[in-house]
Amino acid sequence: MKKGIHPDNYRQVIFEDQGSGTRFLIGSTVVTEKTAKWDDGTEYPLYVVEISSASHPFYTGVKTTIDRAGRVEKFKNRALKAKK
């Protein structure tokens, strides 16, 4: 890597897919307070993501519905009220 072109906080970070549990070790500047151990026993900063290439339908070919905040239920309730 060229010296002096990357931010000071550029380091290896574990990105964990919340849906599939898959973890990736990637260089990043993302801010995080959590840490976790990687497969080699070294501790790295941890950043949890909702969707990655391990769970996104475009990459997996499997269509899934992600409803983390009850959005589908809210929509159905609004639709029922609108019909009345």
N, C-alpha and C. Protein backbone atom coordinates (compact mmCIF):
# COMPACT_ATOMS: atom_id res chain seq x y z
N MET A 1 0.83 -1.18 0.00
CA MET A 1 0.00 0.00 0.00
C MET A 1 0.88 1.25 0.00
N LYS A 2 0.44 2.26 -0.72
CA LYS A 2 1.16 3.53 -0.73
C LYS A 2 1.05 4.20 0.63
N LYS A 3 2.10 4.79 1.08
CA LYS A 3 2.11 5.51 2.36
C LYS A 3 1.43 6.87 2.20
N GLY A 4 0.66 7.27 3.23
CA GLY A 4 0.10 8.61 3.28
C GLY A 4 -1.18 8.85 2.49
N ILE A 5 -1.74 7.82 1.85
CA ILE A 5 -2.97 8.05 1.08
C ILE A 5 -4.21 7.51 1.79
N HIS A 6 -4.03 6.70 2.83
CA HIS A 6 -5.16 6.14 3.55
C HIS A 6 -5.39 6.89 4.86
N PRO A 7 -6.64 6.96 5.33
CA PRO A 7 -6.93 7.62 6.61
C PRO A 7 -6.20 6.90 7.75
N ASP A 8 -6.03 7.59 8.86
CA ASP A 8 -5.32 7.03 10.00
C ASP A 8 -6.05 5.85 10.62
N ASN A 9 -7.37 5.83 10.52
CA ASN A 9 -8.14 4.75 11.15
C ASN A 9 -8.41 3.58 10.20
N TYR A 10 -7.67 3.45 9.12
CA TYR A 10 -7.81 2.32 8.19
C TYR A 10 -7.18 1.09 8.83
N ARG A 11 -8.01 0.03 9.03
CA ARG A 11 -7.53 -1.19 9.66
C ARG A 11 -8.41 -2.36 9.24
N GLN A 12 -8.04 -3.57 9.63
CA GLN A 12 -8.84 -4.76 9.35
C GLN A 12 -10.05 -4.77 10.28
N VAL A 13 -11.25 -5.04 9.71
CA VAL A 13 -12.50 -5.06 10.47
C VAL A 13 -13.27 -6.31 10.09
N ILE A 14 -13.92 -6.94 11.07
CA ILE A 14 -14.80 -8.07 10.80
C ILE A 14 -16.19 -7.53 10.53
N PHE A 15 -16.74 -7.85 9.36
CA PHE A 15 -18.12 -7.51 9.03
C PHE A 15 -18.93 -8.80 9.18
N GLU A 16 -19.96 -8.77 10.02
CA GLU A 16 -20.79 -9.96 10.27
C GLU A 16 -22.19 -9.73 9.73
N ASP A 17 -22.64 -10.64 8.87
CA ASP A 17 -23.98 -10.59 8.30
C ASP A 17 -24.96 -11.08 9.36
N GLN A 18 -25.88 -10.22 9.75
CA GLN A 18 -26.84 -10.53 10.80
C GLN A 18 -27.78 -11.66 10.41
N GLY A 19 -28.14 -11.74 9.13
CA GLY A 19 -29.08 -12.74 8.68
C GLY A 19 -28.49 -14.13 8.54
N SER A 20 -27.28 -14.23 7.96
CA SER A 20 -26.70 -15.54 7.69
C SER A 20 -25.60 -15.92 8.67
N GLY A 21 -25.07 -14.95 9.40
CA GLY A 21 -23.99 -15.25 10.34
C GLY A 21 -22.62 -15.31 9.69
N THR A 22 -22.55 -15.08 8.38
CA THR A 22 -21.29 -15.09 7.65
C THR A 22 -20.44 -13.90 8.07
N ARG A 23 -19.14 -14.12 8.18
CA ARG A 23 -18.23 -13.03 8.59
C ARG A 23 -17.16 -12.83 7.53
N PHE A 24 -16.78 -11.56 7.30
CA PHE A 24 -15.76 -11.19 6.35
C PHE A 24 -14.73 -10.33 7.06
N LEU A 25 -13.45 -10.53 6.78
CA LEU A 25 -12.38 -9.69 7.32
C LEU A 25 -11.89 -8.80 6.19
N ILE A 26 -12.16 -7.49 6.32
CA ILE A 26 -11.89 -6.54 5.25
C ILE A 26 -11.27 -5.27 5.84
N GLY A 27 -10.40 -4.64 5.08
CA GLY A 27 -9.84 -3.36 5.48
C GLY A 27 -10.90 -2.28 5.38
N SER A 28 -11.05 -1.44 6.43
CA SER A 28 -12.12 -0.44 6.45
C SER A 28 -11.78 0.68 7.43
N THR A 29 -12.53 1.78 7.29
CA THR A 29 -12.43 2.90 8.24
C THR A 29 -13.70 3.05 9.05
N VAL A 30 -14.61 2.07 8.98
CA VAL A 30 -15.89 2.15 9.67
C VAL A 30 -15.66 2.28 11.19
N VAL A 31 -16.48 3.10 11.84
CA VAL A 31 -16.37 3.31 13.28
C VAL A 31 -17.21 2.26 14.01
N THR A 32 -16.61 1.57 14.96
CA THR A 32 -17.31 0.54 15.71
C THR A 32 -16.74 0.45 17.12
N GLU A 33 -17.58 0.02 18.05
CA GLU A 33 -17.14 -0.12 19.44
C GLU A 33 -16.97 -1.58 19.84
N LYS A 34 -17.56 -2.50 19.07
CA LYS A 34 -17.49 -3.93 19.40
C LYS A 34 -16.22 -4.56 18.83
N THR A 35 -15.79 -5.65 19.45
CA THR A 35 -14.67 -6.42 18.93
C THR A 35 -15.04 -7.90 18.94
N ALA A 36 -14.33 -8.68 18.13
CA ALA A 36 -14.56 -10.12 18.09
C ALA A 36 -13.27 -10.80 17.65
N LYS A 37 -13.17 -12.09 17.94
CA LYS A 37 -11.99 -12.85 17.53
C LYS A 37 -12.23 -13.46 16.17
N TRP A 38 -11.21 -13.39 15.31
CA TRP A 38 -11.25 -13.99 13.99
C TRP A 38 -10.79 -15.44 14.12
N ASP A 39 -10.84 -16.19 13.04
CA ASP A 39 -10.50 -17.62 13.04
C ASP A 39 -9.07 -17.89 13.52
N ASP A 40 -8.16 -16.95 13.32
CA ASP A 40 -6.77 -17.15 13.74
C ASP A 40 -6.52 -16.77 15.20
N GLY A 41 -7.59 -16.34 15.91
CA GLY A 41 -7.47 -15.99 17.32
C GLY A 41 -7.17 -14.52 17.57
N THR A 42 -6.92 -13.75 16.53
CA THR A 42 -6.64 -12.32 16.66
C THR A 42 -7.95 -11.57 16.85
N GLU A 43 -7.95 -10.56 17.71
CA GLU A 43 -9.14 -9.75 17.97
C GLU A 43 -9.15 -8.53 17.05
N TYR A 44 -10.31 -8.32 16.39
CA TYR A 44 -10.49 -7.21 15.46
C TYR A 44 -11.77 -6.46 15.82
N PRO A 45 -11.90 -5.20 15.34
CA PRO A 45 -13.17 -4.49 15.50
C PRO A 45 -14.26 -5.25 14.75
N LEU A 46 -15.50 -5.23 15.27
CA LEU A 46 -16.62 -5.93 14.68
C LEU A 46 -17.70 -4.95 14.27
N TYR A 47 -18.23 -5.11 13.04
CA TYR A 47 -19.33 -4.29 12.55
C TYR A 47 -20.39 -5.23 12.01
N VAL A 48 -21.63 -5.12 12.52
CA VAL A 48 -22.73 -6.00 12.13
C VAL A 48 -23.56 -5.31 11.05
N VAL A 49 -23.80 -6.03 9.94
CA VAL A 49 -24.61 -5.51 8.83
C VAL A 49 -25.85 -6.37 8.66
N GLU A 50 -26.95 -5.78 8.16
CA GLU A 50 -28.18 -6.54 7.96
C GLU A 50 -28.12 -7.44 6.74
N ILE A 51 -27.52 -6.96 5.66
CA ILE A 51 -27.47 -7.71 4.41
C ILE A 51 -26.07 -7.60 3.82
N SER A 52 -25.56 -8.74 3.33
CA SER A 52 -24.30 -8.77 2.61
C SER A 52 -24.47 -9.69 1.41
N SER A 53 -23.39 -9.95 0.70
CA SER A 53 -23.48 -10.85 -0.45
C SER A 53 -23.85 -12.26 -0.03
N ALA A 54 -23.69 -12.59 1.25
CA ALA A 54 -24.03 -13.93 1.74
C ALA A 54 -25.53 -14.12 1.94
N SER A 55 -26.28 -13.02 2.05
CA SER A 55 -27.72 -13.15 2.29
C SER A 55 -28.59 -12.39 1.29
N HIS A 56 -27.99 -11.57 0.42
CA HIS A 56 -28.77 -10.78 -0.53
C HIS A 56 -29.27 -11.67 -1.66
N PRO A 57 -30.56 -11.56 -2.02
CA PRO A 57 -31.14 -12.42 -3.05
C PRO A 57 -30.43 -12.35 -4.40
N PHE A 58 -29.85 -11.21 -4.75
CA PHE A 58 -29.14 -11.09 -6.03
C PHE A 58 -27.98 -12.07 -6.10
N TYR A 59 -27.27 -12.26 -5.00
CA TYR A 59 -26.10 -13.14 -4.97
C TYR A 59 -26.47 -14.59 -4.66
N THR A 60 -27.49 -14.80 -3.84
CA THR A 60 -27.83 -16.16 -3.42
C THR A 60 -28.81 -16.83 -4.36
N GLY A 61 -29.60 -16.06 -5.11
CA GLY A 61 -30.62 -16.63 -5.98
C GLY A 61 -31.85 -17.08 -5.22
N VAL A 62 -31.91 -16.80 -3.92
CA VAL A 62 -33.04 -17.18 -3.09
C VAL A 62 -33.78 -15.93 -2.66
N LYS A 63 -35.07 -15.87 -2.97
CA LYS A 63 -35.86 -14.70 -2.60
C LYS A 63 -36.27 -14.81 -1.14
N THR A 64 -35.94 -13.81 -0.35
CA THR A 64 -36.31 -13.79 1.07
C THR A 64 -36.95 -12.46 1.40
N THR A 65 -37.77 -12.47 2.42
CA THR A 65 -38.38 -11.24 2.91
C THR A 65 -37.75 -10.90 4.25
N ILE A 66 -37.21 -9.72 4.35
CA ILE A 66 -36.60 -9.28 5.60
C ILE A 66 -37.53 -8.26 6.24
N ASP A 67 -38.04 -8.59 7.41
CA ASP A 67 -38.98 -7.73 8.11
C ASP A 67 -38.48 -7.53 9.53
N ARG A 68 -37.52 -6.67 9.70
CA ARG A 68 -36.90 -6.46 11.00
C ARG A 68 -37.73 -5.53 11.89
N ALA A 69 -38.52 -4.65 11.29
CA ALA A 69 -39.22 -3.66 12.10
C ALA A 69 -40.73 -3.78 12.00
N GLY A 70 -41.26 -4.90 11.53
CA GLY A 70 -42.69 -5.09 11.44
C GLY A 70 -43.34 -4.25 10.35
N ARG A 71 -42.58 -3.93 9.31
CA ARG A 71 -43.09 -3.06 8.26
C ARG A 71 -44.24 -3.70 7.49
N VAL A 72 -44.16 -5.00 7.28
CA VAL A 72 -45.23 -5.68 6.55
C VAL A 72 -46.53 -5.62 7.34
N GLU A 73 -46.46 -5.88 8.65
CA GLU A 73 -47.66 -5.81 9.49
C GLU A 73 -48.26 -4.41 9.48
N LYS A 74 -47.42 -3.39 9.56
CA LYS A 74 -47.91 -2.02 9.54
C LYS A 74 -48.63 -1.72 8.23
N PHE A 75 -48.06 -2.21 7.12
CA PHE A 75 -48.68 -1.99 5.82
C PHE A 75 -50.04 -2.69 5.74
N LYS A 76 -50.11 -3.93 6.20
CA LYS A 76 -51.36 -4.68 6.18
C LYS A 76 -52.43 -3.99 7.02
N ASN A 77 -52.06 -3.47 8.18
CA ASN A 77 -53.00 -2.76 9.04
C ASN A 77 -53.52 -1.50 8.35
N ARG A 78 -52.64 -0.76 7.69
CA ARG A 78 -53.07 0.44 6.98
C ARG A 78 -54.00 0.08 5.82
N ALA A 79 -53.70 -1.00 5.13
CA ALA A 79 -54.54 -1.43 4.01
C ALA A 79 -55.93 -1.82 4.48
N LEU A 80 -56.01 -2.52 5.63
CA LEU A 80 -57.32 -2.89 6.18
C LEU A 80 -58.13 -1.65 6.57
N LYS A 81 -57.48 -0.68 7.19
CA LYS A 81 -58.17 0.56 7.57
C LYS A 81 -58.65 1.31 6.36
N ALA A 82 -57.90 1.30 5.28
CA ALA A 82 -58.26 2.01 4.06
C ALA A 82 -59.48 1.38 3.40
N LYS A 83 -59.63 0.07 3.52
CA LYS A 83 -60.77 -0.61 2.92
C LYS A 83 -62.06 -0.30 3.65
N LYS A 84 -61.98 -0.04 4.96
CA LYS A 84 -63.17 0.21 5.79
C LYS A 84 -63.70 1.57 5.58
